[in-house]
Amino acid sequence: MGRKQTIPDGAEGSSIYLMPEEFLVLRAIQAKRKKKGKPRTSLNEIWIDALWRLAEDEGFTRKKLEAFLG
């Protein structure tokens, strides 16, 4: 049996292009999370976690963005 689908309903697809060293960073984070037994280990989940951290660093909170979307 495969891994449980983690993509929420309503999610939109996106494509990104990475240099080999950037992809290596993702794989290193993934390996570290798996070793620690953390649940969010897919590449998609890692990107989402990083995006939210960046948004917070830029002053955007989840609450503010959800209010913006109405």
C-alpha atoms as a PDB file:
ATOM      1  CA  MET A   1       0.000   0.000   0.000  1.00  0.00           C
ATOM      2  CA  GLY A   2       1.331   3.436  -0.949  1.00  0.00           C
ATOM      3  CA  ARG A   3       1.689   6.613   1.025  1.00  0.00           C
ATOM      4  CA  LYS A   4      -1.479   8.553   1.901  1.00  0.00           C
ATOM      5  CA  GLN A   5      -2.244  11.378  -0.559  1.00  0.00           C
ATOM      6  CA  THR A   6      -1.308  14.686   1.073  1.00  0.00           C
ATOM      7  CA  ILE A   7      -2.515  17.147  -1.553  1.00  0.00           C
ATOM      8  CA  PRO A   8      -5.608  18.964  -0.281  1.00  0.00           C
ATOM      9  CA  ASP A   9      -8.739  19.440  -2.350  1.00  0.00           C
ATOM     10  CA  GLY A  10      -8.619  22.738  -4.220  1.00  0.00           C
ATOM     11  CA  ALA A  11      -4.828  22.732  -4.554  1.00  0.00           C
ATOM     12  CA  GLU A  12      -3.476  24.017  -7.872  1.00  0.00           C
ATOM     13  CA  GLY A  13      -0.540  22.449  -9.662  1.00  0.00           C
ATOM     14  CA  SER A  14       2.720  24.301 -10.221  1.00  0.00           C
ATOM     15  CA  SER A  15       6.055  23.585 -11.881  1.00  0.00           C
ATOM     16  CA  ILE A  16       9.474  24.732 -10.770  1.00  0.00           C
ATOM     17  CA  TYR A  17      12.937  24.188 -12.172  1.00  0.00           C
ATOM     18  CA  LEU A  18      15.853  23.469  -9.861  1.00  0.00           C
ATOM     19  CA  MET A  19      19.582  23.297 -10.292  1.00  0.00           C
ATOM     20  CA  PRO A  20      21.089  19.990  -9.116  1.00  0.00           C
ATOM     21  CA  GLU A  21      22.411  21.535  -5.881  1.00  0.00           C
ATOM     22  CA  GLU A  22      18.954  22.983  -5.108  1.00  0.00           C
ATOM     23  CA  PHE A  23      17.335  19.598  -5.639  1.00  0.00           C
ATOM     24  CA  LEU A  24      20.001  18.103  -3.376  1.00  0.00           C
ATOM     25  CA  VAL A  25      18.938  20.504  -0.609  1.00  0.00           C
ATOM     26  CA  LEU A  26      15.354  19.218  -0.882  1.00  0.00           C
ATOM     27  CA  ARG A  27      16.497  15.606  -0.781  1.00  0.00           C
ATOM     28  CA  ALA A  28      18.728  16.306   2.247  1.00  0.00           C
ATOM     29  CA  ILE A  29      15.814  17.886   4.130  1.00  0.00           C
ATOM     30  CA  GLN A  30      13.617  14.969   3.130  1.00  0.00           C
ATOM     31  CA  ALA A  31      16.166  12.419   4.377  1.00  0.00           C
ATOM     32  CA  LYS A  32      16.623  14.269   7.671  1.00  0.00           C
ATOM     33  CA  ARG A  33      12.861  14.450   8.272  1.00  0.00           C
ATOM     34  CA  LYS A  34      12.445  10.751   7.498  1.00  0.00           C
ATOM     35  CA  LYS A  35      15.309   9.846   9.839  1.00  0.00           C
ATOM     36  CA  LYS A  36      13.640  11.836  12.632  1.00  0.00           C
ATOM     37  CA  GLY A  37      10.307  10.145  11.889  1.00  0.00           C
ATOM     38  CA  LYS A  38       8.567  13.394  10.984  1.00  0.00           C
ATOM     39  CA  PRO A  39       5.300  13.049   9.041  1.00  0.00           C
ATOM     40  CA  ARG A  40       5.806  15.811   6.419  1.00  0.00           C
ATOM     41  CA  THR A  41       8.463  14.246   4.208  1.00  0.00           C
ATOM     42  CA  SER A  42       7.170  14.596   0.641  1.00  0.00           C
ATOM     43  CA  LEU A  43       8.873  17.162  -1.580  1.00  0.00           C
ATOM     44  CA  ASN A  44       5.540  18.966  -1.904  1.00  0.00           C
ATOM     45  CA  GLU A  45       5.164  19.221   1.885  1.00  0.00           C
ATOM     46  CA  ILE A  46       8.728  20.502   2.258  1.00  0.00           C
ATOM     47  CA  TRP A  47       8.064  23.231  -0.342  1.00  0.00           C
ATOM     48  CA  ILE A  48       4.825  24.233   1.375  1.00  0.00           C
ATOM     49  CA  ASP A  49       6.521  24.442   4.778  1.00  0.00           C
ATOM     50  CA  ALA A  50       9.290  26.594   3.286  1.00  0.00           C
ATOM     51  CA  LEU A  51       6.791  28.839   1.505  1.00  0.00           C
ATOM     52  CA  TRP A  52       4.842  29.502   4.704  1.00  0.00           C
ATOM     53  CA  ARG A  53       8.059  30.267   6.587  1.00  0.00           C
ATOM     54  CA  LEU A  54       9.046  32.737   3.860  1.00  0.00           C
ATOM     55  CA  ALA A  55       5.575  34.320   3.906  1.00  0.00           C
ATOM     56  CA  GLU A  56       5.812  34.821   7.671  1.00  0.00           C
ATOM     57  CA  ASP A  57       9.304  36.338   7.284  1.00  0.00           C
ATOM     58  CA  GLU A  58       7.780  38.798   4.796  1.00  0.00           C
ATOM     59  CA  GLY A  59       5.031  39.730   7.255  1.00  0.00           C
ATOM     60  CA  PHE A  60       2.211  37.618   5.844  1.00  0.00           C
ATOM     61  CA  THR A  61       0.364  35.423   8.298  1.00  0.00           C
ATOM     62  CA  ARG A  62      -1.907  32.579   7.315  1.00  0.00           C
ATOM     63  CA  LYS A  63      -4.787  34.464   8.936  1.00  0.00           C
ATOM     64  CA  LYS A  64      -4.118  37.620   6.865  1.00  0.00           C
ATOM     65  CA  LEU A  65      -3.864  35.673   3.629  1.00  0.00           C
ATOM     66  CA  GLU A  66      -7.011  33.670   4.305  1.00  0.00           C
ATOM     67  CA  ALA A  67      -8.857  36.950   5.016  1.00  0.00           C
ATOM     68  CA  PHE A  68      -7.562  38.329   1.721  1.00  0.00           C
ATOM     69  CA  LEU A  69      -8.957  35.336  -0.161  1.00  0.00           C
ATOM     70  CA  GLY A  70     -12.290  35.863   1.585  1.00  0.00           C
END
